């Protein structure tokens, strides 16, 4: 029996950088691949804002099988409406700014 070959994910974005004038770090990884039944959008991602000293997550957007698209704000988890990679980046950047200002 011949096993089907797995299609390799294509890296779209990957970076890690400090947030200016804070003790926070941003880490982003976004991949695209052919859609599957479990992930019809064909995108896997993890966008995270965390405290440099403790490593504690302040904000995270990610996709998990069984949970789908969602975001974490400290200990809380919320559904996230997927509208594409560019909107994902825009929403994450907006939330990072709100965290910096103390509004999230």
Foldseek 3Di string as FASTA:
>chain_A
DDDDDDDDWAWDDFDKDADPPAQKIWTKTKTADPADPQGNVRIWIWIFIAGNPPRQTQKIWTADRVQGTWMDGRPDIGHDDDDDDVVVVVVVVVVVVCVVVVND
